[in-house]
Amino acid sequence: MAEEQQAAGANGAENPQTFRIHKVYTKDVSFESPSTPALFVKQNEWKPEVNLQLNSESRQINGDVYETVLTVTVTVKSADQTAYLVEVKQAGLFQLQGFDEKNRGGLLGSYCPNILFPFAREVVSDLVVKGGFPQLLLEPINFDALYAQHLQKAKAAAEQSTETPQ
């Protein structure tokens, strides 16, 4: 389950880079179905509208160990009624040793959420079925593209804040 990479340092010596998954766990979970049981009676009118929201946060825990938390929030409506709301905070502890700030940011902002998403997707699917609704399978997410968008927005915001009014 661990991946290790070696990279040459600026002085030509070996600079070991290590990425390890220490633990993957569900940090918080919530399921609400405010329109049941009335919605179950009208099951033939099931036309779900799915709204998916994602967020990830990372923080240093100890030395080279970081926690990344991926929050997946799914709201499903049918006939203008909220059928259910699922929120999962899937977390992991990752060791990132020997990475510079830029590469560490990419690992924590993209690679780690990519690792966590299948676990969160499974929790969402299980909760939805246990709530009495048809299975919901979330589509794969391109966290690399989302992270690149995040960096572009941060860069634009930084440039905008440094502009002086004329």
N, C-alpha and C. Protein backbone atom coordinates (compact mmCIF):
# COMPACT_ATOMS: atom_id res chain seq x y z
N MET A 1 0.81 -1.20 0.00
CA MET A 1 0.00 0.00 0.00
C MET A 1 0.85 1.26 0.00
N ALA A 2 2.13 1.14 0.22
CA ALA A 2 3.01 2.30 0.25
C ALA A 2 3.69 2.47 -1.09
N GLU A 3 3.88 3.72 -1.45
CA GLU A 3 4.60 4.03 -2.68
C GLU A 3 5.84 4.80 -2.29
N GLU A 4 6.96 4.47 -2.89
CA GLU A 4 8.19 5.18 -2.62
C GLU A 4 8.79 5.62 -3.93
N GLN A 5 9.31 6.86 -3.92
CA GLN A 5 9.94 7.40 -5.11
C GLN A 5 11.30 7.96 -4.71
N GLN A 6 12.25 7.87 -5.60
CA GLN A 6 13.57 8.45 -5.39
C GLN A 6 13.77 9.54 -6.43
N ALA A 7 14.33 10.66 -5.99
CA ALA A 7 14.59 11.76 -6.91
C ALA A 7 15.97 12.32 -6.63
N ALA A 8 16.65 12.79 -7.66
CA ALA A 8 17.96 13.38 -7.49
C ALA A 8 17.81 14.79 -6.96
N GLY A 9 18.62 15.13 -5.97
CA GLY A 9 18.59 16.47 -5.38
C GLY A 9 19.38 17.43 -6.23
N ALA A 10 19.42 18.69 -5.81
CA ALA A 10 20.11 19.73 -6.55
C ALA A 10 21.61 19.47 -6.61
N ASN A 11 22.18 18.83 -5.59
CA ASN A 11 23.61 18.56 -5.58
C ASN A 11 23.96 17.22 -6.21
N GLY A 12 22.99 16.57 -6.82
CA GLY A 12 23.23 15.30 -7.49
C GLY A 12 23.10 14.10 -6.56
N ALA A 13 22.98 14.33 -5.26
CA ALA A 13 22.83 13.22 -4.31
C ALA A 13 21.38 12.76 -4.30
N GLU A 14 21.19 11.58 -3.78
CA GLU A 14 19.84 11.04 -3.68
C GLU A 14 19.06 11.79 -2.61
N ASN A 15 17.88 12.25 -2.95
CA ASN A 15 16.98 12.91 -2.01
C ASN A 15 15.73 12.05 -1.92
N PRO A 16 15.64 11.19 -0.91
CA PRO A 16 14.51 10.24 -0.89
C PRO A 16 13.17 10.94 -0.68
N GLN A 17 12.24 10.59 -1.51
CA GLN A 17 10.87 11.06 -1.38
C GLN A 17 10.01 9.84 -1.06
N THR A 18 9.25 9.95 0.02
CA THR A 18 8.43 8.83 0.45
C THR A 18 6.99 9.28 0.59
N PHE A 19 6.09 8.51 0.02
CA PHE A 19 4.64 8.73 0.20
C PHE A 19 4.07 7.43 0.75
N ARG A 20 3.43 7.53 1.91
CA ARG A 20 2.83 6.34 2.51
C ARG A 20 1.43 6.65 3.00
N ILE A 21 0.55 5.69 2.86
CA ILE A 21 -0.80 5.77 3.43
C ILE A 21 -0.74 5.08 4.79
N HIS A 22 -0.96 5.83 5.85
CA HIS A 22 -0.96 5.24 7.19
C HIS A 22 -2.34 4.71 7.57
N LYS A 23 -3.38 5.46 7.23
CA LYS A 23 -4.72 5.05 7.64
C LYS A 23 -5.74 5.80 6.80
N VAL A 24 -6.83 5.10 6.46
CA VAL A 24 -8.00 5.71 5.81
C VAL A 24 -9.19 5.42 6.72
N TYR A 25 -9.96 6.47 7.02
CA TYR A 25 -11.07 6.30 7.97
C TYR A 25 -12.19 7.29 7.68
N THR A 26 -13.38 6.92 8.13
CA THR A 26 -14.53 7.80 8.03
C THR A 26 -14.54 8.66 9.28
N LYS A 27 -14.44 9.96 9.10
CA LYS A 27 -14.35 10.89 10.23
C LYS A 27 -15.73 11.34 10.70
N ASP A 28 -16.66 11.51 9.75
CA ASP A 28 -18.01 11.96 10.09
C ASP A 28 -18.94 11.52 8.97
N VAL A 29 -20.18 11.21 9.34
CA VAL A 29 -21.16 10.79 8.34
C VAL A 29 -22.54 11.23 8.79
N SER A 30 -23.36 11.62 7.82
CA SER A 30 -24.73 12.06 8.12
C SER A 30 -25.64 11.64 6.97
N PHE A 31 -26.82 11.16 7.32
CA PHE A 31 -27.85 10.82 6.34
C PHE A 31 -29.18 11.35 6.85
N GLU A 32 -29.88 12.10 6.01
CA GLU A 32 -31.19 12.63 6.36
C GLU A 32 -32.15 12.37 5.20
N SER A 33 -33.36 11.96 5.51
CA SER A 33 -34.40 11.80 4.48
C SER A 33 -35.68 12.45 5.01
N PRO A 34 -35.76 13.77 4.87
CA PRO A 34 -36.86 14.53 5.48
C PRO A 34 -38.24 14.29 4.85
N SER A 35 -38.30 13.78 3.65
CA SER A 35 -39.60 13.62 2.97
C SER A 35 -40.15 12.21 3.04
N THR A 36 -39.53 11.35 3.85
CA THR A 36 -40.07 10.00 4.00
C THR A 36 -41.02 9.98 5.18
N PRO A 37 -42.02 9.14 5.19
CA PRO A 37 -42.33 8.07 4.25
C PRO A 37 -43.18 8.51 3.07
N ALA A 38 -43.64 9.78 3.06
CA ALA A 38 -44.52 10.24 1.99
C ALA A 38 -43.90 10.04 0.60
N LEU A 39 -42.59 10.23 0.51
CA LEU A 39 -41.91 10.07 -0.78
C LEU A 39 -41.94 8.63 -1.26
N PHE A 40 -41.90 7.66 -0.34
CA PHE A 40 -41.95 6.25 -0.72
C PHE A 40 -43.30 5.88 -1.32
N VAL A 41 -44.36 6.53 -0.87
CA VAL A 41 -45.70 6.25 -1.40
C VAL A 41 -45.78 6.69 -2.86
N LYS A 42 -45.06 7.77 -3.20
CA LYS A 42 -45.05 8.29 -4.58
C LYS A 42 -43.84 7.78 -5.36
N GLN A 43 -43.39 6.57 -5.09
CA GLN A 43 -42.16 6.02 -5.68
C GLN A 43 -42.21 6.00 -7.21
N ASN A 44 -43.39 5.89 -7.80
CA ASN A 44 -43.46 5.86 -9.27
C ASN A 44 -43.11 7.22 -9.88
N GLU A 45 -43.06 8.26 -9.07
CA GLU A 45 -42.70 9.59 -9.55
C GLU A 45 -41.23 9.90 -9.29
N TRP A 46 -40.40 8.88 -9.09
CA TRP A 46 -39.00 9.08 -8.74
C TRP A 46 -38.21 9.62 -9.92
N LYS A 47 -37.89 10.90 -9.86
CA LYS A 47 -37.07 11.57 -10.88
C LYS A 47 -36.02 12.38 -10.13
N PRO A 48 -34.94 11.73 -9.74
CA PRO A 48 -33.97 12.39 -8.87
C PRO A 48 -33.15 13.48 -9.58
N GLU A 49 -32.92 14.56 -8.85
CA GLU A 49 -32.01 15.62 -9.26
C GLU A 49 -30.88 15.60 -8.24
N VAL A 50 -29.68 15.28 -8.70
CA VAL A 50 -28.54 15.09 -7.80
C VAL A 50 -27.65 16.33 -7.82
N ASN A 51 -27.34 16.82 -6.62
CA ASN A 51 -26.40 17.93 -6.46
C ASN A 51 -25.22 17.42 -5.63
N LEU A 52 -24.02 17.50 -6.18
CA LEU A 52 -22.82 17.01 -5.52
C LEU A 52 -21.90 18.17 -5.21
N GLN A 53 -21.43 18.23 -3.97
CA GLN A 53 -20.45 19.24 -3.57
C GLN A 53 -19.26 18.54 -2.94
N LEU A 54 -18.07 19.01 -3.29
CA LEU A 54 -16.83 18.42 -2.78
C LEU A 54 -15.98 19.49 -2.12
N ASN A 55 -15.25 19.07 -1.10
CA ASN A 55 -14.29 19.95 -0.46
C ASN A 55 -13.20 19.08 0.13
N SER A 56 -11.97 19.55 0.11
CA SER A 56 -10.90 18.82 0.78
C SER A 56 -10.04 19.81 1.55
N GLU A 57 -9.57 19.34 2.68
CA GLU A 57 -8.70 20.13 3.54
C GLU A 57 -7.58 19.23 4.04
N SER A 58 -6.41 19.81 4.20
CA SER A 58 -5.28 19.06 4.73
C SER A 58 -4.62 19.87 5.82
N ARG A 59 -4.06 19.14 6.77
CA ARG A 59 -3.32 19.81 7.84
C ARG A 59 -2.20 18.89 8.30
N GLN A 60 -1.12 19.52 8.74
CA GLN A 60 0.02 18.76 9.25
C GLN A 60 -0.32 18.26 10.64
N ILE A 61 -0.08 16.98 10.88
CA ILE A 61 -0.37 16.37 12.18
C ILE A 61 0.90 16.31 13.03
N ASN A 62 1.95 15.74 12.45
CA ASN A 62 3.18 15.55 13.20
C ASN A 62 4.32 15.31 12.22
N GLY A 63 5.26 16.20 12.14
CA GLY A 63 6.40 16.03 11.25
C GLY A 63 5.97 15.90 9.80
N ASP A 64 6.20 14.73 9.22
CA ASP A 64 5.88 14.48 7.81
C ASP A 64 4.51 13.83 7.63
N VAL A 65 3.70 13.75 8.69
CA VAL A 65 2.39 13.11 8.61
C VAL A 65 1.31 14.18 8.51
N TYR A 66 0.45 14.01 7.51
CA TYR A 66 -0.63 14.96 7.23
C TYR A 66 -1.97 14.24 7.22
N GLU A 67 -3.01 14.96 7.64
CA GLU A 67 -4.37 14.44 7.52
C GLU A 67 -5.04 15.19 6.39
N THR A 68 -5.65 14.44 5.49
CA THR A 68 -6.47 15.03 4.43
C THR A 68 -7.89 14.55 4.67
N VAL A 69 -8.84 15.50 4.65
CA VAL A 69 -10.25 15.19 4.83
C VAL A 69 -10.99 15.60 3.57
N LEU A 70 -11.64 14.64 2.93
CA LEU A 70 -12.47 14.88 1.76
C LEU A 70 -13.93 14.87 2.22
N THR A 71 -14.62 15.99 2.00
CA THR A 71 -16.03 16.09 2.35
C THR A 71 -16.86 15.98 1.08
N VAL A 72 -17.74 15.00 1.07
CA VAL A 72 -18.65 14.76 -0.06
C VAL A 72 -20.06 14.99 0.45
N THR A 73 -20.75 15.96 -0.15
CA THR A 73 -22.14 16.25 0.22
C THR A 73 -23.02 16.04 -0.99
N VAL A 74 -24.02 15.16 -0.84
CA VAL A 74 -24.94 14.84 -1.93
C VAL A 74 -26.35 15.19 -1.47
N THR A 75 -27.01 16.05 -2.24
CA THR A 75 -28.41 16.37 -1.98
C THR A 75 -29.21 15.89 -3.18
N VAL A 76 -30.23 15.07 -2.92
CA VAL A 76 -31.07 14.53 -3.99
C VAL A 76 -32.49 15.00 -3.76
N LYS A 77 -33.05 15.61 -4.81
CA LYS A 77 -34.44 16.07 -4.77
C LYS A 77 -35.24 15.31 -5.81
N SER A 78 -36.52 15.14 -5.51
CA SER A 78 -37.46 14.54 -6.44
C SER A 78 -38.77 15.30 -6.30
N ALA A 79 -39.27 15.79 -7.42
CA ALA A 79 -40.51 16.57 -7.43
C ALA A 79 -40.44 17.71 -6.42
N ASP A 80 -39.34 18.46 -6.45
CA ASP A 80 -39.11 19.63 -5.60
C ASP A 80 -39.10 19.32 -4.10
N GLN A 81 -38.97 18.06 -3.74
CA GLN A 81 -38.83 17.66 -2.35
C GLN A 81 -37.44 17.08 -2.14
N THR A 82 -36.83 17.40 -1.01
CA THR A 82 -35.55 16.79 -0.70
C THR A 82 -35.79 15.34 -0.31
N ALA A 83 -35.30 14.44 -1.14
CA ALA A 83 -35.43 13.01 -0.85
C ALA A 83 -34.44 12.61 0.24
N TYR A 84 -33.18 13.00 0.04
CA TYR A 84 -32.17 12.72 1.06
C TYR A 84 -30.97 13.61 0.89
N LEU A 85 -30.24 13.71 1.99
CA LEU A 85 -29.00 14.46 2.04
C LEU A 85 -27.97 13.56 2.73
N VAL A 86 -26.84 13.35 2.06
CA VAL A 86 -25.77 12.53 2.62
C VAL A 86 -24.51 13.40 2.68
N GLU A 87 -23.85 13.36 3.83
CA GLU A 87 -22.56 14.03 3.94
C GLU A 87 -21.56 13.07 4.57
N VAL A 88 -20.43 12.90 3.91
CA VAL A 88 -19.39 12.00 4.38
C VAL A 88 -18.08 12.78 4.44
N LYS A 89 -17.41 12.67 5.56
CA LYS A 89 -16.05 13.21 5.69
C LYS A 89 -15.13 12.01 5.77
N GLN A 90 -14.49 11.73 4.65
CA GLN A 90 -13.56 10.60 4.55
C GLN A 90 -12.16 11.16 4.73
N ALA A 91 -11.41 10.57 5.63
CA ALA A 91 -10.09 11.10 5.96
C ALA A 91 -9.00 10.06 5.80
N GLY A 92 -7.78 10.56 5.74
CA GLY A 92 -6.63 9.68 5.68
C GLY A 92 -5.42 10.34 6.31
N LEU A 93 -4.55 9.51 6.85
CA LEU A 93 -3.27 9.98 7.34
C LEU A 93 -2.21 9.54 6.35
N PHE A 94 -1.42 10.51 5.88
CA PHE A 94 -0.43 10.27 4.83
C PHE A 94 0.92 10.80 5.27
N GLN A 95 1.95 10.03 4.98
CA GLN A 95 3.32 10.49 5.24
C GLN A 95 3.90 11.00 3.93
N LEU A 96 4.35 12.23 3.95
CA LEU A 96 4.97 12.86 2.78
C LEU A 96 6.34 13.35 3.21
N GLN A 97 7.36 12.61 2.84
CA GLN A 97 8.72 12.93 3.26
C GLN A 97 9.57 13.30 2.06
N GLY A 98 10.29 14.42 2.17
CA GLY A 98 11.24 14.81 1.13
C GLY A 98 10.64 15.57 -0.03
N PHE A 99 9.39 16.03 0.06
CA PHE A 99 8.76 16.78 -1.02
C PHE A 99 8.85 18.27 -0.75
N ASP A 100 9.10 19.05 -1.79
CA ASP A 100 9.07 20.50 -1.61
C ASP A 100 7.62 20.96 -1.48
N GLU A 101 7.43 22.23 -1.15
CA GLU A 101 6.09 22.75 -0.87
C GLU A 101 5.13 22.60 -2.05
N LYS A 102 5.62 22.87 -3.26
CA LYS A 102 4.76 22.76 -4.45
C LYS A 102 4.27 21.33 -4.66
N ASN A 103 5.18 20.36 -4.61
CA ASN A 103 4.80 18.96 -4.82
C ASN A 103 3.94 18.43 -3.67
N ARG A 104 4.25 18.87 -2.45
CA ARG A 104 3.44 18.47 -1.30
C ARG A 104 2.01 18.99 -1.45
N GLY A 105 1.87 20.23 -1.93
CA GLY A 105 0.54 20.81 -2.17
C GLY A 105 -0.25 20.00 -3.18
N GLY A 106 0.41 19.57 -4.25
CA GLY A 106 -0.25 18.75 -5.26
C GLY A 106 -0.68 17.39 -4.73
N LEU A 107 0.18 16.79 -3.91
CA LEU A 107 -0.16 15.50 -3.33
C LEU A 107 -1.36 15.62 -2.39
N LEU A 108 -1.33 16.64 -1.51
CA LEU A 108 -2.41 16.82 -0.54
C LEU A 108 -3.70 17.32 -1.18
N GLY A 109 -3.57 18.13 -2.24
CA GLY A 109 -4.75 18.72 -2.87
C GLY A 109 -5.38 17.90 -3.98
N SER A 110 -4.64 16.91 -4.49
CA SER A 110 -5.16 16.13 -5.61
C SER A 110 -5.00 14.62 -5.40
N TYR A 111 -3.78 14.18 -5.14
CA TYR A 111 -3.50 12.75 -5.05
C TYR A 111 -4.22 12.11 -3.87
N CYS A 112 -4.14 12.74 -2.70
CA CYS A 112 -4.79 12.17 -1.50
C CYS A 112 -6.32 12.14 -1.66
N PRO A 113 -6.98 13.22 -2.13
CA PRO A 113 -8.43 13.11 -2.37
C PRO A 113 -8.79 12.01 -3.38
N ASN A 114 -7.92 11.79 -4.38
CA ASN A 114 -8.14 10.69 -5.33
C ASN A 114 -8.14 9.35 -4.62
N ILE A 115 -7.28 9.20 -3.63
CA ILE A 115 -7.23 7.95 -2.86
C ILE A 115 -8.48 7.81 -2.00
N LEU A 116 -8.95 8.91 -1.40
CA LEU A 116 -10.07 8.87 -0.46
C LEU A 116 -11.43 8.74 -1.14
N PHE A 117 -11.57 9.24 -2.36
CA PHE A 117 -12.88 9.30 -3.01
C PHE A 117 -13.58 7.95 -3.14
N PRO A 118 -12.91 6.88 -3.56
CA PRO A 118 -13.63 5.59 -3.67
C PRO A 118 -14.21 5.12 -2.33
N PHE A 119 -13.52 5.41 -1.24
CA PHE A 119 -14.04 5.04 0.08
C PHE A 119 -15.30 5.86 0.40
N ALA A 120 -15.24 7.17 0.11
CA ALA A 120 -16.40 8.03 0.36
C ALA A 120 -17.58 7.63 -0.54
N ARG A 121 -17.28 7.30 -1.79
CA ARG A 121 -18.33 6.88 -2.72
C ARG A 121 -19.04 5.62 -2.22
N GLU A 122 -18.28 4.69 -1.65
CA GLU A 122 -18.87 3.47 -1.11
C GLU A 122 -19.78 3.78 0.08
N VAL A 123 -19.34 4.68 0.97
CA VAL A 123 -20.16 5.05 2.13
C VAL A 123 -21.46 5.69 1.67
N VAL A 124 -21.38 6.60 0.69
CA VAL A 124 -22.58 7.25 0.16
C VAL A 124 -23.54 6.21 -0.40
N SER A 125 -23.03 5.31 -1.23
CA SER A 125 -23.87 4.29 -1.84
C SER A 125 -24.56 3.42 -0.79
N ASP A 126 -23.79 2.99 0.21
CA ASP A 126 -24.36 2.13 1.26
C ASP A 126 -25.44 2.85 2.05
N LEU A 127 -25.21 4.11 2.40
CA LEU A 127 -26.19 4.87 3.18
C LEU A 127 -27.49 5.09 2.39
N VAL A 128 -27.35 5.39 1.12
CA VAL A 128 -28.53 5.62 0.28
C VAL A 128 -29.38 4.36 0.21
N VAL A 129 -28.76 3.22 -0.02
CA VAL A 129 -29.50 1.95 -0.10
C VAL A 129 -30.13 1.63 1.26
N LYS A 130 -29.39 1.82 2.34
CA LYS A 130 -29.94 1.55 3.67
C LYS A 130 -31.06 2.51 4.02
N GLY A 131 -31.08 3.68 3.37
CA GLY A 131 -32.16 4.63 3.57
C GLY A 131 -33.41 4.29 2.76
N GLY A 132 -33.36 3.21 1.97
CA GLY A 132 -34.53 2.77 1.22
C GLY A 132 -34.63 3.31 -0.19
N PHE A 133 -33.56 3.93 -0.68
CA PHE A 133 -33.58 4.53 -2.01
C PHE A 133 -32.76 3.70 -2.99
N PRO A 134 -32.98 3.91 -4.30
CA PRO A 134 -32.17 3.20 -5.30
C PRO A 134 -30.69 3.57 -5.15
N GLN A 135 -29.83 2.63 -5.47
CA GLN A 135 -28.39 2.83 -5.34
C GLN A 135 -27.94 4.08 -6.09
N LEU A 136 -27.05 4.83 -5.47
CA LEU A 136 -26.46 6.01 -6.10
C LEU A 136 -24.97 5.76 -6.26
N LEU A 137 -24.50 5.73 -7.49
CA LEU A 137 -23.08 5.56 -7.77
C LEU A 137 -22.54 6.89 -8.30
N LEU A 138 -21.67 7.51 -7.53
CA LEU A 138 -21.08 8.77 -7.94
C LEU A 138 -20.05 8.54 -9.04
N GLU A 139 -20.04 9.41 -10.02
CA GLU A 139 -19.08 9.32 -11.12
C GLU A 139 -17.68 9.64 -10.61
N PRO A 140 -16.66 9.12 -11.29
CA PRO A 140 -15.29 9.48 -10.91
C PRO A 140 -15.07 11.00 -11.01
N ILE A 141 -14.18 11.50 -10.20
CA ILE A 141 -13.88 12.94 -10.16
C ILE A 141 -12.44 13.16 -10.58
N ASN A 142 -12.19 14.18 -11.37
CA ASN A 142 -10.84 14.54 -11.78
C ASN A 142 -10.29 15.56 -10.78
N PHE A 143 -9.68 15.06 -9.71
CA PHE A 143 -9.15 15.95 -8.68
C PHE A 143 -7.95 16.74 -9.17
N ASP A 144 -7.24 16.24 -10.18
CA ASP A 144 -6.12 17.01 -10.76
C ASP A 144 -6.65 18.30 -11.37
N ALA A 145 -7.73 18.22 -12.12
CA ALA A 145 -8.33 19.41 -12.73
C ALA A 145 -8.90 20.35 -11.68
N LEU A 146 -9.54 19.80 -10.65
CA LEU A 146 -10.08 20.64 -9.58
C LEU A 146 -8.97 21.37 -8.84
N TYR A 147 -7.86 20.70 -8.61
CA TYR A 147 -6.73 21.33 -7.92
C TYR A 147 -6.12 22.42 -8.80
N ALA A 148 -6.01 22.17 -10.08
CA ALA A 148 -5.48 23.18 -11.01
C ALA A 148 -6.39 24.41 -11.02
N GLN A 149 -7.72 24.21 -11.02
CA GLN A 149 -8.66 25.34 -10.94
C GLN A 149 -8.47 26.11 -9.65
N HIS A 150 -8.29 25.39 -8.55
CA HIS A 150 -8.07 26.02 -7.24
C HIS A 150 -6.82 26.90 -7.29
N LEU A 151 -5.74 26.40 -7.87
CA LEU A 151 -4.50 27.17 -7.96
C LEU A 151 -4.69 28.42 -8.83
N GLN A 152 -5.42 28.29 -9.93
CA GLN A 152 -5.69 29.43 -10.81
C GLN A 152 -6.50 30.51 -10.09
N LYS A 153 -7.53 30.09 -9.33
CA LYS A 153 -8.34 31.05 -8.58
C LYS A 153 -7.52 31.74 -7.51
N ALA A 154 -6.67 31.00 -6.83
CA ALA A 154 -5.83 31.58 -5.78
C ALA A 154 -4.84 32.57 -6.38
N LYS A 155 -4.28 32.23 -7.54
CA LYS A 155 -3.34 33.13 -8.22
C LYS A 155 -4.05 34.41 -8.67
N ALA A 156 -5.24 34.27 -9.25
CA ALA A 156 -6.01 35.44 -9.68
C ALA A 156 -6.39 36.32 -8.51
N ALA A 157 -6.76 35.70 -7.40
CA ALA A 157 -7.14 36.48 -6.20
C ALA A 157 -5.92 37.22 -5.66
N ALA A 158 -4.76 36.57 -5.68
CA ALA A 158 -3.54 37.21 -5.19
C ALA A 158 -3.15 38.38 -6.09
N GLU A 159 -3.27 38.19 -7.40
CA GLU A 159 -2.96 39.28 -8.33
C GLU A 159 -3.92 40.44 -8.16
N GLN A 160 -5.19 40.13 -7.95
CA GLN A 160 -6.21 41.17 -7.80
C GLN A 160 -5.99 41.96 -6.51
N SER A 161 -5.57 41.29 -5.45
CA SER A 161 -5.36 41.97 -4.18
C SER A 161 -4.11 42.83 -4.18
N THR A 162 -3.14 42.52 -5.07
CA THR A 162 -1.91 43.33 -5.13
C THR A 162 -2.01 44.48 -6.11
N GLU A 163 -3.08 44.53 -6.91
CA GLU A 163 -3.26 45.65 -7.84
C GLU A 163 -3.57 46.90 -7.05
N THR A 164 -2.97 47.99 -7.48
CA THR A 164 -3.25 49.26 -6.80
C THR A 164 -4.28 50.04 -7.60
N PRO A 165 -5.25 50.64 -6.92
CA PRO A 165 -6.27 51.42 -7.63
C PRO A 165 -5.66 52.67 -8.23
N GLN A 166 -6.14 53.06 -9.40
CA GLN A 166 -5.60 54.24 -10.08
C GLN A 166 -6.55 55.37 -10.08
